[in-house]
Protein backbone atom coordinates (compact mmCIF):
# COMPACT_ATOMS: atom_id res chain seq x y z
CA MET A 1 39.28 -44.53 1.29
CA ASN A 2 40.36 -40.87 1.37
CA LEU A 3 38.22 -37.80 2.02
CA LEU A 4 37.35 -37.17 -1.64
CA GLU A 5 36.34 -40.79 -2.19
CA SER A 6 34.11 -40.67 0.91
CA VAL A 7 32.39 -37.53 -0.38
CA VAL A 8 31.90 -39.12 -3.82
CA SER A 9 30.52 -42.24 -2.11
CA GLY A 10 28.02 -40.09 -0.21
CA LEU A 11 26.90 -38.33 -3.39
CA ALA A 12 26.62 -41.68 -5.19
CA SER A 13 24.45 -42.96 -2.35
CA ILE A 14 22.13 -39.98 -2.76
CA TRP A 15 21.94 -40.47 -6.52
CA SER A 16 21.38 -44.23 -6.42
CA HIS A 17 18.46 -43.92 -3.98
CA LYS A 18 16.76 -40.78 -5.28
CA LEU A 19 13.36 -41.21 -3.63
CA ARG A 20 14.76 -42.28 -0.30
CA SER A 21 17.35 -39.50 -0.37
CA SER A 22 14.70 -36.92 -1.27
CA LEU A 23 12.53 -37.95 1.66
CA THR A 24 15.58 -37.87 3.92
CA LEU A 25 16.62 -34.40 2.79
CA VAL A 26 13.14 -32.83 3.08
CA GLY A 27 13.46 -32.11 6.80
CA ILE A 28 16.95 -30.62 6.45
CA VAL A 29 16.01 -28.58 3.37
CA VAL A 30 12.87 -27.19 5.02
CA GLY A 31 14.72 -26.48 8.28
CA VAL A 32 17.57 -24.57 6.60
CA ALA A 33 15.21 -22.67 4.30
CA SER A 34 13.05 -21.73 7.30
CA VAL A 35 16.04 -20.46 9.29
CA ILE A 36 17.19 -18.30 6.37
CA ALA A 37 13.72 -16.98 5.52
CA MET A 38 12.87 -16.18 9.15
CA PHE A 39 16.16 -14.47 9.95
CA SER A 40 15.97 -12.54 6.67
CA PHE A 41 12.37 -11.48 7.26
CA VAL A 42 13.05 -10.22 10.79
CA GLY A 43 16.31 -8.59 9.65
CA GLY A 44 14.54 -6.88 6.74
CA ILE A 45 11.87 -5.44 9.03
CA VAL A 46 14.46 -4.25 11.58
CA THR A 47 16.55 -2.64 8.82
CA ARG A 48 13.52 -0.82 7.41
CA VAL A 49 12.41 0.40 10.83
CA ARG A 50 15.98 1.58 11.53
CA GLU A 51 15.96 3.51 8.24
CA ASP A 52 12.66 5.09 9.26
CA PHE A 53 14.19 6.06 12.61
CA GLU A 54 17.05 7.75 10.75
CA GLN A 55 14.57 9.64 8.55
CA ILE A 56 12.73 10.92 11.62
CA GLY A 57 15.94 12.47 12.87
CA PHE A 58 16.13 13.71 16.47
CA ASP A 59 19.06 11.41 17.26
CA ASN A 60 21.39 13.21 19.71
CA THR A 61 18.69 15.83 20.24
CA PHE A 62 17.37 17.73 23.27
CA PHE A 63 14.30 19.95 23.50
CA VAL A 64 14.52 22.68 26.13
CA SER A 65 11.11 24.20 26.91
CA ASN A 66 9.63 26.72 29.34
CA MET A 67 8.02 25.26 32.44
CA ASP A 68 6.42 26.74 35.53
CA PRO A 69 8.31 25.84 38.74
CA MET A 70 6.65 23.04 40.70
CA ASN A 71 7.43 24.37 44.20
CA PRO A 72 5.77 27.48 45.79
CA GLU A 73 9.18 29.13 46.33
CA GLY A 74 9.97 28.85 42.64
CA ARG A 75 6.61 30.28 41.62
CA ALA A 76 7.04 33.14 44.09
CA SER A 77 10.44 34.05 42.61
CA LEU A 78 9.36 33.58 39.00
CA LYS A 79 9.66 37.31 38.28
CA ALA A 80 13.42 37.00 38.67
CA SER A 81 13.53 34.98 35.43
CA LYS A 82 11.98 35.85 32.10
CA GLY A 83 12.10 32.27 30.84
CA LEU A 84 13.98 31.14 27.75
CA MET A 85 15.26 34.15 25.79
CA LEU A 86 16.66 34.48 22.29
CA HIS A 87 20.13 35.65 23.41
CA GLU A 88 20.58 32.40 25.40
CA MET A 89 21.06 30.55 22.12
CA ASP A 90 24.48 32.18 21.68
CA ILE A 91 25.38 31.49 25.34
CA LEU A 92 24.55 27.78 25.01
CA GLU A 93 26.50 27.47 21.75
CA THR A 94 29.53 29.09 23.39
CA GLU A 95 29.50 27.28 26.73
CA VAL A 96 28.28 23.79 25.88
CA PRO A 97 30.97 22.11 23.73
CA GLU A 98 28.74 19.11 22.89
CA ILE A 99 26.29 21.27 20.89
CA ARG A 100 26.59 20.97 17.11
CA GLY A 101 23.54 23.07 16.29
CA ILE A 102 20.71 24.88 18.04
CA THR A 103 17.53 26.57 16.87
CA PRO A 104 15.08 28.67 18.87
CA VAL A 105 11.41 27.91 18.26
CA VAL A 106 8.55 30.35 18.78
CA ALA A 107 5.14 28.78 18.22
CA HIS A 108 1.90 30.58 17.40
CA TYR A 109 -1.56 29.22 16.66
CA GLY A 110 -4.00 31.42 14.79
CA VAL A 111 -5.90 32.19 11.61
CA LEU A 112 -4.00 31.62 8.36
CA ARG A 113 -5.20 32.86 4.96
CA GLY A 114 -3.90 31.96 1.52
CA GLY A 115 -5.60 32.16 -1.85
CA SER A 116 -9.34 32.00 -1.12
CA GLU A 117 -8.93 29.71 1.90
CA ALA A 118 -8.73 30.48 5.62
CA LEU A 119 -8.02 28.04 8.43
CA HIS A 120 -6.61 27.76 11.92
CA GLY A 121 -3.03 26.51 11.94
CA GLU A 122 0.34 26.55 13.62
CA VAL A 123 3.27 28.82 12.81
CA PHE A 124 6.84 28.07 13.88
CA GLY A 125 9.49 30.76 14.07
CA ILE A 126 12.86 29.05 13.54
CA THR A 127 16.36 29.73 12.19
CA PRO A 128 17.91 28.10 9.07
CA ASP A 129 19.54 25.46 11.33
CA GLY A 130 16.04 24.37 12.33
CA PHE A 131 15.36 22.82 8.94
CA ILE A 132 18.54 20.75 9.26
CA LEU A 133 17.92 19.84 12.89
CA PHE A 134 14.32 18.77 12.26
CA GLU A 135 15.47 17.09 9.01
CA LEU A 136 12.79 18.81 6.92
CA ASN A 137 13.20 18.13 3.21
CA LEU A 138 12.73 21.00 0.77
CA GLY A 139 10.54 20.75 -2.31
CA PRO A 140 10.28 23.79 -4.63
CA GLY A 141 11.79 27.12 -3.58
CA ARG A 142 14.31 27.71 -0.80
CA TYR A 143 14.73 27.55 2.94
CA ILE A 144 14.76 30.57 5.24
CA SER A 145 18.23 32.18 5.17
CA ASP A 146 20.44 33.85 7.78
CA LEU A 147 19.80 37.13 5.96
CA ASP A 148 16.05 36.65 6.44
CA VAL A 149 16.63 36.21 10.19
CA GLU A 150 18.92 39.24 10.35
CA ASN A 151 16.48 41.49 8.44
CA HIS A 152 13.27 40.26 10.14
CA ALA A 153 12.10 39.35 6.64
CA ARG A 154 8.40 38.55 6.23
CA VAL A 155 8.97 35.32 4.34
CA CYS A 156 7.79 31.80 5.08
CA VAL A 157 8.17 28.16 4.12
CA LEU A 158 5.00 26.06 3.96
CA GLY A 159 4.58 22.44 4.92
CA GLU A 160 3.32 20.38 1.99
CA LEU A 161 -0.08 19.64 3.55
CA ILE A 162 -0.86 23.22 4.59
CA LYS A 163 0.21 24.39 1.13
CA ASN A 164 -2.36 22.01 -0.36
CA ASP A 165 -5.02 23.26 2.08
CA LEU A 166 -4.38 26.92 1.31
CA PHE A 167 -3.62 26.89 -2.41
CA GLY A 168 -4.75 23.47 -3.62
CA GLU A 169 -2.85 20.30 -4.46
CA GLY A 170 -0.52 20.76 -7.42
CA ALA A 171 -0.65 24.57 -7.23
CA ASP A 172 2.57 26.60 -7.28
CA ALA A 173 2.72 28.60 -4.05
CA ILE A 174 6.18 30.15 -4.54
CA GLY A 175 5.95 33.94 -4.65
CA ARG A 176 2.38 34.03 -3.36
CA HIS A 177 1.40 35.51 -0.01
CA VAL A 178 -0.04 34.11 3.20
CA LEU A 179 -1.68 36.18 5.94
CA ILE A 180 -0.72 35.16 9.46
CA GLY A 181 -3.21 37.15 11.47
CA ASP A 182 -3.05 40.52 9.71
CA VAL A 183 0.61 40.26 8.62
CA SER A 184 1.45 39.26 5.05
CA PHE A 185 4.27 36.80 4.39
CA GLU A 186 5.77 35.83 1.02
CA VAL A 187 6.08 32.10 0.37
CA VAL A 188 9.70 31.32 -0.57
CA GLY A 189 9.66 27.53 -0.21
CA VAL A 190 7.52 24.42 0.23
CA LEU A 191 8.60 21.30 2.13
CA ALA A 192 8.44 17.80 0.63
CA MET A 193 7.14 14.89 2.71
CA LYS A 194 9.44 11.96 3.41
CA GLU A 195 8.54 8.45 2.38
CA PHE A 196 8.22 5.96 5.22
CA SER A 197 7.37 2.28 5.11
CA GLN A 198 3.66 1.58 5.55
CA MET A 199 4.32 -0.40 8.74
CA PHE A 200 5.78 2.76 10.24
CA GLY A 201 3.04 5.11 9.07
CA ASN A 202 4.04 8.69 8.39
CA SER A 203 5.79 8.99 11.75
CA GLY A 204 4.02 12.17 12.79
CA GLN A 205 5.26 14.19 9.83
CA GLU A 206 1.69 15.32 9.04
CA GLN A 207 2.00 17.70 11.98
CA GLU A 208 5.25 19.12 10.61
CA HIS A 209 3.66 19.62 7.20
CA ARG A 210 0.60 21.41 8.56
CA ARG A 211 2.81 24.24 9.85
CA ILE A 212 4.13 27.47 8.39
CA TYR A 213 7.79 28.28 9.13
CA THR A 214 9.06 31.87 9.44
CA PRO A 215 12.32 33.44 10.72
CA THR A 216 12.43 33.52 14.54
CA THR A 217 13.12 37.25 14.63
CA THR A 218 10.19 37.98 12.33
CA MET A 219 7.97 35.87 14.55
CA THR A 220 9.00 37.64 17.77
CA HIS A 221 8.75 41.09 16.16
CA TYR A 222 5.51 40.88 14.18
CA ILE A 223 3.49 38.04 15.74
CA ALA A 224 4.53 37.16 19.28
CA GLY A 225 5.53 40.64 20.44
CA THR A 226 8.14 39.25 22.83
CA LYS A 227 11.68 37.90 22.65
CA ARG A 228 10.79 34.95 24.85
CA ILE A 229 11.42 31.58 23.23
CA ASP A 230 9.08 28.60 23.59
CA THR A 231 11.66 25.91 22.89
CA PHE A 232 15.33 25.44 22.06
CA ALA A 233 15.94 22.41 19.84
CA VAL A 234 19.53 21.29 20.47
CA LYS A 235 21.55 18.88 18.32
CA LEU A 236 24.67 17.25 19.78
CA TYR A 237 27.79 16.07 17.98
CA GLU A 238 27.86 12.41 17.01
CA GLY A 239 29.31 10.38 19.87
CA ALA A 240 28.86 13.19 22.42
CA ASP A 241 28.30 12.20 26.05
CA ILE A 242 24.54 12.72 26.39
CA THR A 243 24.54 12.82 30.19
CA GLN A 244 27.38 15.32 30.29
CA ALA A 245 25.69 17.51 27.65
CA TYR A 246 22.47 17.44 29.67
CA ASP A 247 24.33 18.59 32.79
CA HIS A 248 26.12 21.38 30.89
CA ILE A 249 22.87 22.72 29.42
CA HIS A 250 21.12 22.48 32.78
CA GLU A 251 23.91 24.26 34.67
CA THR A 252 24.14 27.06 32.08
CA LEU A 253 20.41 27.78 32.06
CA ILE A 254 20.12 27.60 35.85
CA ARG A 255 22.82 30.27 36.07
CA GLU A 256 21.19 32.45 33.43
CA HIS A 257 17.78 32.11 35.13
CA ARG A 258 19.20 33.10 38.54
CA GLY A 259 18.80 29.68 40.08
CA ILE A 260 15.17 29.24 39.00
CA GLU A 261 14.39 26.00 37.18
CA ASP A 262 11.59 27.37 35.00
CA PHE A 263 12.49 25.10 32.08
CA GLN A 264 12.55 21.40 31.29
CA ILE A 265 15.02 19.43 29.18
CA GLU A 266 13.50 16.59 27.17
CA ASN A 267 16.10 14.03 26.21
CA VAL A 268 14.72 12.87 22.86
CA ALA A 269 18.05 11.22 22.03
CA GLU A 270 17.71 8.87 25.00
CA GLN A 271 14.07 8.12 24.17
CA LEU A 272 15.03 7.13 20.62
CA ALA A 273 17.97 5.09 21.91
CA GLN A 274 15.63 3.22 24.26
CA ALA A 275 13.19 2.62 21.41
CA GLU A 276 16.01 1.18 19.29
CA VAL A 277 17.14 -1.06 22.16
CA GLN A 278 13.58 -2.33 22.57
CA MET A 279 13.42 -2.98 18.83
CA GLU A 280 16.67 -4.96 18.95
CA GLN A 281 15.42 -6.98 21.96
CA MET A 282 12.16 -7.72 20.18
CA SER A 283 13.96 -8.83 17.01
CA ALA A 284 16.22 -11.09 19.10
CA GLN A 285 13.14 -12.68 20.68
CA TRP A 286 11.57 -13.18 17.25
CA ASN A 287 14.75 -14.80 15.97
CA MET A 288 14.89 -17.09 19.00
CA ILE A 289 11.25 -18.20 18.66
CA LEU A 290 11.33 -18.60 14.90
CA GLY A 291 14.76 -20.23 15.03
CA SER A 292 13.47 -22.77 17.56
CA ILE A 293 10.61 -23.69 15.23
CA ALA A 294 13.03 -24.14 12.32
CA THR A 295 15.37 -26.19 14.52
CA VAL A 296 12.59 -28.74 15.05
CA SER A 297 12.47 -29.29 11.28
CA LEU A 298 16.23 -29.82 11.22
CA LEU A 299 16.00 -32.35 14.06
CA VAL A 300 13.23 -34.19 12.24
CA GLY A 301 15.49 -34.24 9.19
CA GLY A 302 18.30 -35.59 11.38
CA ILE A 303 16.11 -38.45 12.59
CA GLY A 304 15.26 -39.30 8.98
CA LEU A 305 18.96 -39.20 8.12
CA LEU A 306 19.72 -41.54 11.02
CA SER A 307 17.17 -44.07 9.77
CA VAL A 308 18.52 -43.99 6.22
CA LEU A 309 22.13 -44.39 7.39
CA ILE A 310 21.21 -47.43 9.52
CA ILE A 311 19.50 -48.95 6.47
CA SER A 312 22.58 -48.09 4.39
CA VAL A 313 24.85 -49.89 6.88
CA ASN A 314 22.68 -53.01 6.74
CA GLU A 315 22.65 -52.92 2.92
CA ARG A 316 26.44 -52.63 2.75
CA LEU A 317 27.40 -55.39 5.20
CA ARG A 318 29.36 -57.33 2.59
CA GLU A 319 31.28 -54.23 1.48
CA ILE A 320 32.15 -53.40 5.08
CA GLY A 321 33.12 -57.02 5.82
CA ILE A 322 35.38 -57.31 2.77
CA ARG A 323 37.09 -53.95 3.49
CA LYS A 324 37.80 -54.96 7.07
CA ALA A 325 38.94 -58.42 5.98
CA VAL A 326 41.59 -56.91 3.70
CA GLY A 327 42.92 -54.64 6.43
CA ALA A 328 40.69 -51.55 6.68
CA GLU A 329 40.84 -50.07 10.15
CA ASP A 330 37.77 -49.32 12.26
CA ARG A 331 38.71 -45.63 12.10
CA ALA A 332 38.58 -45.65 8.28
CA ILE A 333 35.12 -47.26 8.24
CA PHE A 334 33.90 -44.80 10.90
CA GLN A 335 35.32 -41.86 8.94
CA GLN A 336 33.70 -43.00 5.70
CA PHE A 337 30.19 -43.14 7.13
CA ILE A 338 30.59 -39.86 9.04
CA ILE A 339 31.74 -38.10 5.85
CA GLU A 340 28.87 -39.63 3.89
CA SER A 341 26.41 -38.47 6.55
CA VAL A 342 27.82 -34.91 6.59
CA THR A 343 27.85 -34.89 2.77
CA ILE A 344 24.16 -35.80 2.60
CA SER A 345 23.22 -33.16 5.21
CA THR A 346 25.40 -30.54 3.48
CA VAL A 347 23.68 -31.19 0.16
CA GLY A 348 20.35 -30.75 1.94
CA GLY A 349 21.67 -27.57 3.55
CA LEU A 350 22.78 -26.12 0.19
CA ILE A 351 19.39 -26.88 -1.35
CA GLY A 352 17.83 -25.24 1.71
CA VAL A 353 19.98 -22.14 1.20
CA ALA A 354 18.79 -21.86 -2.40
CA LEU A 355 15.17 -22.38 -1.32
CA GLY A 356 15.51 -19.85 1.52
CA ALA A 357 16.98 -17.23 -0.83
CA GLY A 358 14.11 -17.89 -3.23
CA LEU A 359 11.59 -17.40 -0.41
CA CYS A 360 13.20 -14.03 0.42
CA LYS A 361 12.81 -12.94 -3.21
CA LEU A 362 9.23 -14.21 -3.22
CA ILE A 363 8.36 -12.30 -0.01
CA THR A 364 9.93 -9.13 -1.43
CA PHE A 365 7.98 -9.51 -4.68
CA GLY A 366 4.73 -10.18 -2.80
CA ALA A 367 5.24 -7.18 -0.51
CA GLN A 368 5.96 -4.86 -3.43
CA ALA A 369 2.98 -6.22 -5.35
CA ALA A 370 0.85 -5.38 -2.29
CA GLY A 371 2.21 -1.82 -2.28
CA GLN A 372 4.69 -2.32 0.57
CA ASP A 373 8.06 -0.69 -0.08
CA MET A 374 10.01 -3.47 1.62
CA VAL A 375 13.04 -5.50 0.57
CA ILE A 376 13.99 -8.73 2.36
CA PRO A 377 17.74 -9.26 1.81
CA VAL A 378 19.11 -12.74 2.37
CA SER A 379 20.48 -12.87 5.93
CA GLY A 380 24.13 -13.89 6.07
CA MET A 381 23.59 -14.88 9.70
CA GLY A 382 20.64 -17.06 8.65
CA VAL A 383 22.69 -18.76 5.93
CA ALA A 384 25.59 -19.42 8.31
CA LEU A 385 23.34 -20.76 11.08
CA GLY A 386 21.16 -22.86 8.78
CA LEU A 387 24.03 -24.44 6.88
CA GLY A 388 26.12 -24.83 10.02
CA PHE A 389 23.28 -26.51 11.87
CA ALA A 390 22.68 -28.87 8.91
CA ILE A 391 26.34 -29.96 9.01
CA ILE A 392 26.17 -30.47 12.78
CA VAL A 393 22.98 -32.52 12.39
CA GLY A 394 24.70 -34.67 9.76
CA PHE A 395 27.67 -35.24 12.07
CA LEU A 396 25.69 -35.97 15.24
CA PHE A 397 23.12 -38.25 13.64
CA GLY A 398 25.86 -40.04 11.70
CA LEU A 399 27.78 -41.04 14.82
CA TYR A 400 25.69 -44.09 15.71
CA PRO A 401 25.53 -45.65 12.20
CA ALA A 402 29.26 -44.96 11.71
CA ALA A 403 30.13 -46.50 15.05
CA LYS A 404 27.91 -49.50 14.29
CA ALA A 405 29.60 -50.02 10.91
CA SER A 406 33.13 -49.66 12.33
CA ARG A 407 32.51 -52.25 15.07
CA LEU A 408 31.18 -54.99 12.77
CA ASP A 409 33.07 -58.27 12.77
CA PRO A 410 34.17 -58.91 9.13
CA ILE A 411 33.33 -62.62 9.18
CA GLU A 412 29.93 -62.00 10.76
CA ALA A 413 29.23 -59.18 8.28
CA ILE A 414 30.06 -61.37 5.26
CA SER A 415 28.17 -64.38 6.61
CA ARG A 416 25.08 -62.27 7.44
CA TYR A 417 25.08 -60.88 3.92
CA ALA A 418 25.42 -64.38 2.45
């Protein structure tokens, strides 16, 4: 009996004993479907969280902020350094090759007035690169331009939430004016909030959208009254050596500040990288735990398959005896039952794949019906593992019945059947 005939024999065995075959396949089907659904579910969550991380931005990003020296000697010599200054932006861009973009930030908290409303809020003085670096999406209007920075223009961009607070939700704020303290600024743009998955919340973007953004030079000239910068937000090139970039920035600023370390460098890039590593480790643990649970179902299915194959051997004693009597080798009998076993488990695995894919669609539909913007794609890894494990189960649990059938004495097999 060749390979094709053995496969056909296995399929015929399934078809001729429908109830028994169905009960045998349940464990394998459920196990494979569980593996696929669990891997897909975890993979879908990880993918969505990774997309949310990308929307947050701040990958390959440093924040350099003013800081009082910790030691008495540093505090005593503080007058030798004026802190972070606007002109240092050009120095950092020139001397640190890893920097792709940099924006100075000057923060101010005070009374803001727009329309008939007044409130306390935060104002950020930034450059046009700041909108790109902070990955702030624009709604109506425009961003601050280089010309605005050069001319100390009294223009501003509003976060979506503070626009709603000052002018009302749905109101058009473009062209209207906001008072920051006693200085009037024309609104030239309004930001649009990003959409995050509900499991991730709004990722702190409410704070970004409760700010007003003005040119840095306008901020230092009209509001702050000093050229001192609160923070430099620094974006590195993709693939840049983060440690080396940190050292370059640190060395440059130490030199400019006459050896006084009155600043701190916050490595946001490394913090995000660590968060992603933790997420990957957690997803691996989930896959291991959930995969172990699904494996139990596959093993239960394997035990059921073993029982059915032993029954099948006992039912086919005459067939085995006759085949061996006319010259069939033990190897051919062994091969036939192994192929039949693998065929049965593969059929169960394929049904499990279809069921697992259906579960993924069902979870996606249920999540979207509940208002969750989440898609659970079928995991290729889950399909490969589930189907592969089903085939292995069929092979391993088919070894004993196949060996038992191949070792039967033909005369004894025929006489026992008679």
